[in-house]
């Protein structure tokens, strides 16, 4: 029981998830403030921050990309939970800026 998420392009079968990606880990991807992420090597930490800032769109684009990849496993888990918490999580995810939902 496990899975991986595609990064820049879907897998060969056009899916963005292979297997069943852990929804708890997906929530970390969605909720983290990646601009404040820390590394044991401070030199590497700052170099990585600068690289992301130099990318088109910088950290906001990185966050949108992570959101689009990680939302699926979280949505699936929340819907299958059949609880008020699950409903609220679905509602919050669907209101998230930049999230696009499509079917395969």
PDB file of N, CA and C in Angstrom:
ATOM      1  N   UNK A   1       0.845  -1.180   0.000  1.00  0.00           N
ATOM      2  CA  UNK A   1       0.000   0.000   0.000  1.00  0.00           C
ATOM      3  C   UNK A   1       0.884   1.235   0.000  1.00  0.00           C
ATOM      4  N   UNK A   2       1.022   1.867  -1.112  1.00  0.00           N
ATOM      5  CA  UNK A   2       1.820   3.076  -1.230  1.00  0.00           C
ATOM      6  C   UNK A   2       1.724   3.589  -2.645  1.00  0.00           C
ATOM      7  N   UNK A   3       2.294   4.745  -2.883  1.00  0.00           N
ATOM      8  CA  UNK A   3       2.245   5.306  -4.216  1.00  0.00           C
ATOM      9  C   UNK A   3       3.168   6.491  -4.349  1.00  0.00           C
ATOM     10  N   UNK A   4       3.243   6.996  -5.567  1.00  0.00           N
ATOM     11  CA  UNK A   4       4.060   8.167  -5.870  1.00  0.00           C
ATOM     12  C   UNK A   4       3.244   9.130  -6.722  1.00  0.00           C
ATOM     13  N   UNK A   5       3.628  10.395  -6.684  1.00  0.00           N
ATOM     14  CA  UNK A   5       2.994  11.424  -7.503  1.00  0.00           C
ATOM     15  C   UNK A   5       3.933  11.818  -8.628  1.00  0.00           C
ATOM     16  N   UNK A   6       3.376  12.102  -9.793  1.00  0.00           N
ATOM     17  CA  UNK A   6       4.174  12.614 -10.905  1.00  0.00           C
ATOM     18  C   UNK A   6       4.524  14.071 -10.625  1.00  0.00           C
ATOM     19  N   UNK A   7       5.605  14.530 -11.210  1.00  0.00           N
ATOM     20  CA  UNK A   7       6.042  15.906 -10.983  1.00  0.00           C
ATOM     21  C   UNK A   7       5.588  16.854 -12.070  1.00  0.00           C
ATOM     22  N   UNK A   8       6.376  16.965 -13.122  1.00  0.00           N
ATOM     23  CA  UNK A   8       6.084  17.929 -14.181  1.00  0.00           C
ATOM     24  C   UNK A   8       5.134  17.388 -15.239  1.00  0.00           C
ATOM     25  N   UNK A   9       5.163  16.077 -15.458  1.00  0.00           N
ATOM     26  CA  UNK A   9       4.319  15.451 -16.474  1.00  0.00           C
ATOM     27  C   UNK A   9       3.676  14.198 -15.883  1.00  0.00           C
ATOM     28  N   UNK A  10       2.503  13.843 -16.396  1.00  0.00           N
ATOM     29  CA  UNK A  10       1.869  12.621 -15.893  1.00  0.00           C
ATOM     30  C   UNK A  10       2.672  11.383 -16.299  1.00  0.00           C
ATOM     31  N   UNK A  11       2.360  10.280 -15.659  1.00  0.00           N
ATOM     32  CA  UNK A  11       2.976   9.012 -16.026  1.00  0.00           C
ATOM     33  C   UNK A  11       2.495   8.615 -17.421  1.00  0.00           C
ATOM     34  N   UNK A  12       3.085   7.562 -17.980  1.00  0.00           N
ATOM     35  CA  UNK A  12       2.762   7.149 -19.351  1.00  0.00           C
ATOM     36  C   UNK A  12       1.284   6.841 -19.561  1.00  0.00           C
ATOM     37  N   UNK A  13       0.591   6.431 -18.507  1.00  0.00           N
ATOM     38  CA  UNK A  13      -0.842   6.127 -18.643  1.00  0.00           C
ATOM     39  C   UNK A  13      -1.713   7.368 -18.441  1.00  0.00           C
ATOM     40  N   UNK A  14      -1.093   8.557 -18.442  1.00  0.00           N
ATOM     41  CA  UNK A  14      -1.758   9.863 -18.300  1.00  0.00           C
ATOM     42  C   UNK A  14      -2.241  10.149 -16.885  1.00  0.00           C
ATOM     43  N   UNK A  15      -1.885   9.333 -15.938  1.00  0.00           N
ATOM     44  CA  UNK A  15      -2.274   9.581 -14.547  1.00  0.00           C
ATOM     45  C   UNK A  15      -1.161  10.329 -13.819  1.00  0.00           C
ATOM     46  N   UNK A  16      -1.564  11.084 -12.800  1.00  0.00           N
ATOM     47  CA  UNK A  16      -0.619  11.858 -11.998  1.00  0.00           C
ATOM     48  C   UNK A  16      -0.239  11.128 -10.714  1.00  0.00           C
ATOM     49  N   UNK A  17      -0.904  10.020 -10.447  1.00  0.00           N
ATOM     50  CA  UNK A  17      -0.622   9.242  -9.243  1.00  0.00           C
ATOM     51  C   UNK A  17      -0.474   7.782  -9.636  1.00  0.00           C
ATOM     52  N   UNK A  18       0.569   7.152  -9.111  1.00  0.00           N
ATOM     53  CA  UNK A  18       0.771   5.725  -9.319  1.00  0.00           C
ATOM     54  C   UNK A  18       0.597   5.057  -7.967  1.00  0.00           C
ATOM     55  N   UNK A  19      -0.298   4.109  -7.885  1.00  0.00           N
ATOM     56  CA  UNK A  19      -0.588   3.481  -6.601  1.00  0.00           C
ATOM     57  C   UNK A  19      -1.500   4.371  -5.791  1.00  0.00           C
ATOM     58  N   UNK A  20      -1.316   4.343  -4.491  1.00  0.00           N
ATOM     59  CA  UNK A  20      -2.150   5.139  -3.592  1.00  0.00           C
ATOM     60  C   UNK A  20      -1.234   5.973  -2.699  1.00  0.00           C
ATOM     61  N   UNK A  21      -1.021   7.228  -3.073  1.00  0.00           N
ATOM     62  CA  UNK A  21      -0.130   8.117  -2.326  1.00  0.00           C
ATOM     63  C   UNK A  21      -0.718   8.397  -0.951  1.00  0.00           C
ATOM     64  N   UNK A  22       0.113   8.385   0.059  1.00  0.00           N
ATOM     65  CA  UNK A  22      -0.304   8.581   1.450  1.00  0.00           C
ATOM     66  C   UNK A  22      -0.957   9.955   1.630  1.00  0.00           C
ATOM     67  N   UNK A  23      -2.251  10.013   2.011  1.00  0.00           N
ATOM     68  CA  UNK A  23      -2.919  11.306   2.164  1.00  0.00           C
ATOM     69  C   UNK A  23      -2.313  12.169   3.276  1.00  0.00           C
ATOM     70  N   UNK A  24      -1.746  11.550   4.303  1.00  0.00           N
ATOM     71  CA  UNK A  24      -1.109  12.342   5.370  1.00  0.00           C
ATOM     72  C   UNK A  24       0.115  13.073   4.826  1.00  0.00           C
ATOM     73  N   UNK A  25       0.891  12.404   3.992  1.00  0.00           N
ATOM     74  CA  UNK A  25       2.047  13.046   3.367  1.00  0.00           C
ATOM     75  C   UNK A  25       1.587  14.116   2.379  1.00  0.00           C
ATOM     76  N   UNK A  26       0.505  13.839   1.662  1.00  0.00           N
ATOM     77  CA  UNK A  26      -0.041  14.833   0.731  1.00  0.00           C
ATOM     78  C   UNK A  26      -0.484  16.091   1.481  1.00  0.00           C
ATOM     79  N   UNK A  27      -1.041  15.918   2.673  1.00  0.00           N
ATOM     80  CA  UNK A  27      -1.440  17.085   3.483  1.00  0.00           C
ATOM     81  C   UNK A  27      -0.222  17.923   3.868  1.00  0.00           C
ATOM     82  N   UNK A  28       0.897  17.268   4.153  1.00  0.00           N
ATOM     83  CA  UNK A  28       2.135  18.007   4.456  1.00  0.00           C
ATOM     84  C   UNK A  28       2.535  18.847   3.251  1.00  0.00           C
ATOM     85  N   UNK A  29       2.468  18.256   2.051  1.00  0.00           N
ATOM     86  CA  UNK A  29       2.811  19.006   0.836  1.00  0.00           C
ATOM     87  C   UNK A  29       1.895  20.211   0.658  1.00  0.00           C
ATOM     88  N   UNK A  30       0.618  20.051   0.984  1.00  0.00           N
ATOM     89  CA  UNK A  30      -0.354  21.131   0.829  1.00  0.00           C
ATOM     90  C   UNK A  30      -0.200  22.225   1.878  1.00  0.00           C
ATOM     91  N   UNK A  31       0.132  21.849   3.094  1.00  0.00           N
ATOM     92  CA  UNK A  31       0.088  22.792   4.211  1.00  0.00           C
ATOM     93  C   UNK A  31       1.408  23.473   4.540  1.00  0.00           C
ATOM     94  N   UNK A  32       2.511  22.936   4.062  1.00  0.00           N
ATOM     95  CA  UNK A  32       3.821  23.493   4.436  1.00  0.00           C
ATOM     96  C   UNK A  32       4.051  24.863   3.797  1.00  0.00           C
ATOM     97  N   UNK A  33       4.772  25.703   4.500  1.00  0.00           N
ATOM     98  CA  UNK A  33       5.230  26.985   3.953  1.00  0.00           C
ATOM     99  C   UNK A  33       6.639  26.737   3.427  1.00  0.00           C
ATOM    100  N   UNK A  34       6.734  26.389   2.151  1.00  0.00           N
ATOM    101  CA  UNK A  34       7.999  25.946   1.579  1.00  0.00           C
ATOM    102  C   UNK A  34       9.048  27.044   1.527  1.00  0.00           C
ATOM    103  N   UNK A  35       8.633  28.287   1.571  1.00  0.00           N
ATOM    104  CA  UNK A  35       9.614  29.375   1.582  1.00  0.00           C
ATOM    105  C   UNK A  35      10.359  29.412   2.918  1.00  0.00           C
ATOM    106  N   UNK A  36       9.762  28.840   3.951  1.00  0.00           N
ATOM    107  CA  UNK A  36      10.396  28.812   5.276  1.00  0.00           C
ATOM    108  C   UNK A  36      11.001  27.445   5.600  1.00  0.00           C
ATOM    109  N   UNK A  37      11.014  26.535   4.626  1.00  0.00           N
ATOM    110  CA  UNK A  37      11.585  25.205   4.863  1.00  0.00           C
ATOM    111  C   UNK A  37      13.058  25.331   5.240  1.00  0.00           C
ATOM    112  N   UNK A  38      13.498  24.451   6.118  1.00  0.00           N
ATOM    113  CA  UNK A  38      14.871  24.510   6.608  1.00  0.00           C
ATOM    114  C   UNK A  38      15.656  23.280   6.185  1.00  0.00           C
ATOM    115  N   UNK A  39      16.965  23.462   6.125  1.00  0.00           N
ATOM    116  CA  UNK A  39      17.890  22.405   5.755  1.00  0.00           C
ATOM    117  C   UNK A  39      19.034  22.419   6.767  1.00  0.00           C
ATOM    118  N   UNK A  40      19.594  21.266   7.068  1.00  0.00           N
ATOM    119  CA  UNK A  40      20.720  21.202   8.008  1.00  0.00           C
ATOM    120  C   UNK A  40      21.905  22.010   7.492  1.00  0.00           C
ATOM    121  N   UNK A  41      22.063  22.063   6.176  1.00  0.00           N
ATOM    122  CA  UNK A  41      23.146  22.831   5.556  1.00  0.00           C
ATOM    123  C   UNK A  41      22.570  24.182   5.120  1.00  0.00           C
ATOM    124  N   UNK A  42      22.857  25.234   5.875  1.00  0.00           N
ATOM    125  CA  UNK A  42      22.274  26.561   5.620  1.00  0.00           C
ATOM    126  C   UNK A  42      22.675  27.120   4.259  1.00  0.00           C
ATOM    127  N   UNK A  43      23.849  26.770   3.779  1.00  0.00           N
ATOM    128  CA  UNK A  43      24.282  27.227   2.457  1.00  0.00           C
ATOM    129  C   UNK A  43      23.395  26.617   1.372  1.00  0.00           C
ATOM    130  N   UNK A  44      23.131  25.338   1.490  1.00  0.00           N
ATOM    131  CA  UNK A  44      22.244  24.655   0.542  1.00  0.00           C
ATOM    132  C   UNK A  44      20.834  25.217   0.663  1.00  0.00           C
ATOM    133  N   UNK A  45      20.386  25.445   1.884  1.00  0.00           N
ATOM    134  CA  UNK A  45      19.049  25.995   2.130  1.00  0.00           C
ATOM    135  C   UNK A  45      18.851  27.305   1.373  1.00  0.00           C
ATOM    136  N   UNK A  46      19.782  28.221   1.505  1.00  0.00           N
ATOM    137  CA  UNK A  46      19.637  29.523   0.842  1.00  0.00           C
ATOM    138  C   UNK A  46      19.761  29.392  -0.672  1.00  0.00           C
ATOM    139  N   UNK A  47      20.654  28.513  -1.134  1.00  0.00           N
ATOM    140  CA  UNK A  47      20.809  28.313  -2.582  1.00  0.00           C
ATOM    141  C   UNK A  47      19.506  27.771  -3.180  1.00  0.00           C
ATOM    142  N   UNK A  48      18.871  26.832  -2.488  1.00  0.00           N
ATOM    143  CA  UNK A  48      17.599  26.288  -2.980  1.00  0.00           C
ATOM    144  C   UNK A  48      16.503  27.345  -2.987  1.00  0.00           C
ATOM    145  N   UNK A  49      16.460  28.163  -1.934  1.00  0.00           N
ATOM    146  CA  UNK A  49      15.470  29.253  -1.904  1.00  0.00           C
ATOM    147  C   UNK A  49      15.665  30.191  -3.092  1.00  0.00           C
ATOM    148  N   UNK A  50      16.907  30.542  -3.359  1.00  0.00           N
ATOM    149  CA  UNK A  50      17.193  31.442  -4.480  1.00  0.00           C
ATOM    150  C   UNK A  50      16.816  30.800  -5.811  1.00  0.00           C
ATOM    151  N   UNK A  51      17.050  29.500  -5.952  1.00  0.00           N
ATOM    152  CA  UNK A  51      16.685  28.814  -7.194  1.00  0.00           C
ATOM    153  C   UNK A  51      15.174  28.843  -7.408  1.00  0.00           C
ATOM    154  N   UNK A  52      14.416  28.603  -6.353  1.00  0.00           N
ATOM    155  CA  UNK A  52      12.953  28.635  -6.485  1.00  0.00           C
ATOM    156  C   UNK A  52      12.490  30.058  -6.773  1.00  0.00           C
ATOM    157  N   UNK A  53      13.045  31.038  -6.083  1.00  0.00           N
ATOM    158  CA  UNK A  53      12.669  32.441  -6.337  1.00  0.00           C
ATOM    159  C   UNK A  53      12.973  32.848  -7.776  1.00  0.00           C
ATOM    160  N   UNK A  54      14.033  32.274  -8.360  1.00  0.00           N
ATOM    161  CA  UNK A  54      14.430  32.627  -9.726  1.00  0.00           C
ATOM    162  C   UNK A  54      13.565  31.936 -10.783  1.00  0.00           C
ATOM    163  N   UNK A  55      12.825  30.909 -10.398  1.00  0.00           N
ATOM    164  CA  UNK A  55      11.943  30.222 -11.345  1.00  0.00           C
ATOM    165  C   UNK A  55      10.788  31.144 -11.725  1.00  0.00           C
ATOM    166  N   UNK A  56      10.237  30.989 -12.933  1.00  0.00           N
ATOM    167  CA  UNK A  56       9.056  31.775 -13.276  1.00  0.00           C
ATOM    168  C   UNK A  56       7.935  31.519 -12.258  1.00  0.00           C
ATOM    169  N   UNK A  57       7.485  32.560 -11.607  1.00  0.00           N
ATOM    170  CA  UNK A  57       6.420  32.431 -10.614  1.00  0.00           C
ATOM    171  C   UNK A  57       6.906  32.159  -9.206  1.00  0.00           C
ATOM    172  N   UNK A  58       8.165  31.761  -9.055  1.00  0.00           N
ATOM    173  CA  UNK A  58       8.761  31.550  -7.741  1.00  0.00           C
ATOM    174  C   UNK A  58       7.972  30.612  -6.839  1.00  0.00           C
ATOM    175  N   UNK A  59       7.921  30.951  -5.557  1.00  0.00           N
ATOM    176  CA  UNK A  59       7.253  30.097  -4.572  1.00  0.00           C
ATOM    177  C   UNK A  59       5.751  29.950  -4.812  1.00  0.00           C
ATOM    178  N   UNK A  60       5.031  30.990  -5.248  1.00  0.00           N
ATOM    179  CA  UNK A  60       3.599  30.781  -5.520  1.00  0.00           C
ATOM    180  C   UNK A  60       3.352  29.700  -6.585  1.00  0.00           C
ATOM    181  N   UNK A  61       4.183  29.671  -7.627  1.00  0.00           N
ATOM    182  CA  UNK A  61       4.033  28.652  -8.661  1.00  0.00           C
ATOM    183  C   UNK A  61       4.376  27.273  -8.115  1.00  0.00           C
ATOM    184  N   UNK A  62       5.425  27.190  -7.294  1.00  0.00           N
ATOM    185  CA  UNK A  62       5.772  25.916  -6.661  1.00  0.00           C
ATOM    186  C   UNK A  62       4.609  25.413  -5.813  1.00  0.00           C
ATOM    187  N   UNK A  63       3.997  26.308  -5.052  1.00  0.00           N
ATOM    188  CA  UNK A  63       2.876  25.921  -4.194  1.00  0.00           C
ATOM    189  C   UNK A  63       1.683  25.439  -5.025  1.00  0.00           C
ATOM    190  N   UNK A  64       1.393  26.098  -6.133  1.00  0.00           N
ATOM    191  CA  UNK A  64       0.291  25.661  -7.000  1.00  0.00           C
ATOM    192  C   UNK A  64       0.579  24.278  -7.572  1.00  0.00           C
ATOM    193  N   UNK A  65       1.828  24.064  -7.976  1.00  0.00           N
ATOM    194  CA  UNK A  65       2.203  22.771  -8.550  1.00  0.00           C
ATOM    195  C   UNK A  65       2.054  21.662  -7.502  1.00  0.00           C
ATOM    196  N   UNK A  66       2.531  21.925  -6.291  1.00  0.00           N
ATOM    197  CA  UNK A  66       2.391  20.934  -5.225  1.00  0.00           C
ATOM    198  C   UNK A  66       0.921  20.700  -4.886  1.00  0.00           C
ATOM    199  N   UNK A  67       0.132  21.777  -4.874  1.00  0.00           N
ATOM    200  CA  UNK A  67      -1.299  21.651  -4.582  1.00  0.00           C
ATOM    201  C   UNK A  67      -1.993  20.775  -5.606  1.00  0.00           C
ATOM    202  N   UNK A  68      -1.680  20.995  -6.874  1.00  0.00           N
ATOM    203  CA  UNK A  68      -2.361  20.216  -7.907  1.00  0.00           C
ATOM    204  C   UNK A  68      -1.965  18.746  -7.830  1.00  0.00           C
ATOM    205  N   UNK A  69      -0.730  18.465  -7.424  1.00  0.00           N
ATOM    206  CA  UNK A  69      -0.292  17.075  -7.320  1.00  0.00           C
ATOM    207  C   UNK A  69      -0.847  16.396  -6.072  1.00  0.00           C
ATOM    208  N   UNK A  70      -0.864  17.109  -4.963  1.00  0.00           N
ATOM    209  CA  UNK A  70      -1.212  16.496  -3.679  1.00  0.00           C
ATOM    210  C   UNK A  70      -2.709  16.505  -3.372  1.00  0.00           C
ATOM    211  N   UNK A  71      -3.477  17.305  -4.072  1.00  0.00           N
ATOM    212  CA  UNK A  71      -4.902  17.426  -3.754  1.00  0.00           C
ATOM    213  C   UNK A  71      -5.670  16.128  -3.978  1.00  0.00           C
ATOM    214  N   UNK A  72      -5.341  15.386  -5.015  1.00  0.00           N
ATOM    215  CA  UNK A  72      -6.073  14.157  -5.334  1.00  0.00           C
ATOM    216  C   UNK A  72      -6.121  13.154  -4.191  1.00  0.00           C
ATOM    217  N   UNK A  73      -4.963  12.758  -3.658  1.00  0.00           N
ATOM    218  CA  UNK A  73      -4.992  11.802  -2.544  1.00  0.00           C
ATOM    219  C   UNK A  73      -5.749  12.323  -1.320  1.00  0.00           C
ATOM    220  N   UNK A  74      -5.641  13.621  -1.046  1.00  0.00           N
ATOM    221  CA  UNK A  74      -6.345  14.198   0.104  1.00  0.00           C
ATOM    222  C   UNK A  74      -7.849  14.203  -0.156  1.00  0.00           C
ATOM    223  N   UNK A  75      -8.253  14.611  -1.351  1.00  0.00           N
ATOM    224  CA  UNK A  75      -9.682  14.614  -1.696  1.00  0.00           C
ATOM    225  C   UNK A  75     -10.275  13.210  -1.611  1.00  0.00           C
ATOM    226  N   UNK A  76      -9.578  12.247  -2.181  1.00  0.00           N
ATOM    227  CA  UNK A  76     -10.084  10.865  -2.159  1.00  0.00           C
ATOM    228  C   UNK A  76     -10.271  10.393  -0.716  1.00  0.00           C
ATOM    229  N   UNK A  77      -9.276  10.633   0.120  1.00  0.00           N
ATOM    230  CA  UNK A  77      -9.352  10.211   1.519  1.00  0.00           C
ATOM    231  C   UNK A  77     -10.503  10.914   2.239  1.00  0.00           C
ATOM    232  N   UNK A  78     -10.645  12.217   2.004  1.00  0.00           N
ATOM    233  CA  UNK A  78     -11.698  12.989   2.678  1.00  0.00           C
ATOM    234  C   UNK A  78     -13.091  12.532   2.244  1.00  0.00           C
ATOM    235  N   UNK A  79     -13.271  12.273   0.957  1.00  0.00           N
ATOM    236  CA  UNK A  79     -14.578  11.832   0.450  1.00  0.00           C
ATOM    237  C   UNK A  79     -14.932  10.451   1.008  1.00  0.00           C
ATOM    238  N   UNK A  80     -13.959   9.565   1.043  1.00  0.00           N
ATOM    239  CA  UNK A  80     -14.218   8.207   1.529  1.00  0.00           C
ATOM    240  C   UNK A  80     -14.389   8.140   3.041  1.00  0.00           C
ATOM    241  N   UNK A  81     -14.054   9.221   3.731  1.00  0.00           N
ATOM    242  CA  UNK A  81     -14.170   9.285   5.188  1.00  0.00           C
ATOM    243  C   UNK A  81     -15.633   9.390   5.639  1.00  0.00           C
ATOM    244  N   UNK A  82     -16.518   9.938   4.801  1.00  0.00           N
ATOM    245  CA  UNK A  82     -17.944  10.082   5.114  1.00  0.00           C
ATOM    246  C   UNK A  82     -18.192  10.758   6.461  1.00  0.00           C
ATOM    247  N   UNK A  83     -17.413  11.786   6.772  1.00  0.00           N
ATOM    248  CA  UNK A  83     -17.588  12.476   8.052  1.00  0.00           C
ATOM    249  C   UNK A  83     -17.709  13.980   7.813  1.00  0.00           C
ATOM    250  N   UNK A  84     -18.107  14.692   8.850  1.00  0.00           N
ATOM    251  CA  UNK A  84     -18.175  16.153   8.772  1.00  0.00           C
ATOM    252  C   UNK A  84     -16.786  16.730   8.509  1.00  0.00           C
ATOM    253  N   UNK A  85     -15.764  16.171   9.159  1.00  0.00           N
ATOM    254  CA  UNK A  85     -14.388  16.631   8.932  1.00  0.00           C
ATOM    255  C   UNK A  85     -13.988  16.432   7.479  1.00  0.00           C
ATOM    256  N   UNK A  86     -14.349  15.268   6.923  1.00  0.00           N
ATOM    257  CA  UNK A  86     -14.043  14.991   5.523  1.00  0.00           C
ATOM    258  C   UNK A  86     -14.733  15.978   4.601  1.00  0.00           C
ATOM    259  N   UNK A  87     -16.001  16.264   4.875  1.00  0.00           N
ATOM    260  CA  UNK A  87     -16.745  17.232   4.068  1.00  0.00           C
ATOM    261  C   UNK A  87     -16.077  18.602   4.116  1.00  0.00           C
ATOM    262  N   UNK A  88     -15.690  19.036   5.313  1.00  0.00           N
ATOM    263  CA  UNK A  88     -15.047  20.347   5.463  1.00  0.00           C
ATOM    264  C   UNK A  88     -13.702  20.394   4.747  1.00  0.00           C
ATOM    265  N   UNK A  89     -12.989  19.273   4.761  1.00  0.00           N
ATOM    266  CA  UNK A  89     -11.705  19.233   4.055  1.00  0.00           C
ATOM    267  C   UNK A  89     -11.910  19.331   2.547  1.00  0.00           C
ATOM    268  N   UNK A  90     -12.917  18.632   2.023  1.00  0.00           N
ATOM    269  CA  UNK A  90     -13.233  18.727   0.593  1.00  0.00           C
ATOM    270  C   UNK A  90     -13.588  20.165   0.239  1.00  0.00           C
ATOM    271  N   UNK A  91     -14.432  20.777   1.049  1.00  0.00           N
ATOM    272  CA  UNK A  91     -14.843  22.161   0.805  1.00  0.00           C
ATOM    273  C   UNK A  91     -13.637  23.102   0.797  1.00  0.00           C
ATOM    274  N   UNK A  92     -12.750  22.958   1.765  1.00  0.00           N
ATOM    275  CA  UNK A  92     -11.568  23.820   1.848  1.00  0.00           C
ATOM    276  C   UNK A  92     -10.644  23.608   0.653  1.00  0.00           C
ATOM    277  N   UNK A  93     -10.459  22.361   0.246  1.00  0.00           N
ATOM    278  CA  UNK A  93      -9.597  22.089  -0.907  1.00  0.00           C
ATOM    279  C   UNK A  93     -10.185  22.664  -2.188  1.00  0.00           C
ATOM    280  N   UNK A  94     -11.492  22.536  -2.354  1.00  0.00           N
ATOM    281  CA  UNK A  94     -12.134  23.037  -3.571  1.00  0.00           C
ATOM    282  C   UNK A  94     -12.106  24.560  -3.656  1.00  0.00           C
ATOM    283  N   UNK A  95     -11.940  25.218  -2.529  1.00  0.00           N
ATOM    284  CA  UNK A  95     -11.862  26.681  -2.525  1.00  0.00           C
ATOM    285  C   UNK A  95     -10.418  27.172  -2.650  1.00  0.00           C
ATOM    286  N   UNK A  96      -9.483  26.261  -2.682  1.00  0.00           N
ATOM    287  CA  UNK A  96      -8.067  26.597  -2.745  1.00  0.00           C
ATOM    288  C   UNK A  96      -7.736  27.263  -4.080  1.00  0.00           C
ATOM    289  N   UNK A  97      -7.020  28.345  -4.021  1.00  0.00           N
ATOM    290  CA  UNK A  97      -6.659  29.113  -5.210  1.00  0.00           C
ATOM    291  C   UNK A  97      -5.781  28.278  -6.149  1.00  0.00           C
ATOM    292  N   UNK A  98      -6.159  28.259  -7.411  1.00  0.00           N
ATOM    293  CA  UNK A  98      -5.351  27.592  -8.424  1.00  0.00           C
ATOM    294  C   UNK A  98      -5.605  26.103  -8.576  1.00  0.00           C
ATOM    295  N   UNK A  99      -6.467  25.523  -7.748  1.00  0.00           N
ATOM    296  CA  UNK A  99      -6.731  24.093  -7.846  1.00  0.00           C
ATOM    297  C   UNK A  99      -7.668  23.821  -9.013  1.00  0.00           C
ATOM    298  N   UNK A 100      -7.272  22.885  -9.866  1.00  0.00           N
ATOM    299  CA  UNK A 100      -8.104  22.481 -10.995  1.00  0.00           C
ATOM    300  C   UNK A 100      -8.423  21.008 -10.826  1.00  0.00           C
ATOM    301  N   UNK A 101      -9.682  20.676 -10.988  1.00  0.00           N
ATOM    302  CA  UNK A 101     -10.104  19.287 -10.841  1.00  0.00           C
ATOM    303  C   UNK A 101     -10.597  18.797 -12.193  1.00  0.00           C
ATOM    304  N   UNK A 102     -10.071  17.646 -12.612  1.00  0.00           N
ATOM    305  CA  UNK A 102     -10.551  17.018 -13.841  1.00  0.00           C
ATOM    306  C   UNK A 102     -10.639  15.526 -13.598  1.00  0.00           C
ATOM    307  N   UNK A 103     -11.297  14.831 -14.483  1.00  0.00           N
ATOM    308  CA  UNK A 103     -11.430  13.388 -14.318  1.00  0.00           C
ATOM    309  C   UNK A 103     -10.644  12.681 -15.406  1.00  0.00           C
ATOM    310  N   UNK A 104     -10.345  11.418 -15.151  1.00  0.00           N
ATOM    311  CA  UNK A 104      -9.588  10.627 -16.127  1.00  0.00           C
ATOM    312  C   UNK A 104     -10.450   9.540 -16.692  1.00  0.00           C
TER     313      UNK A 104
END
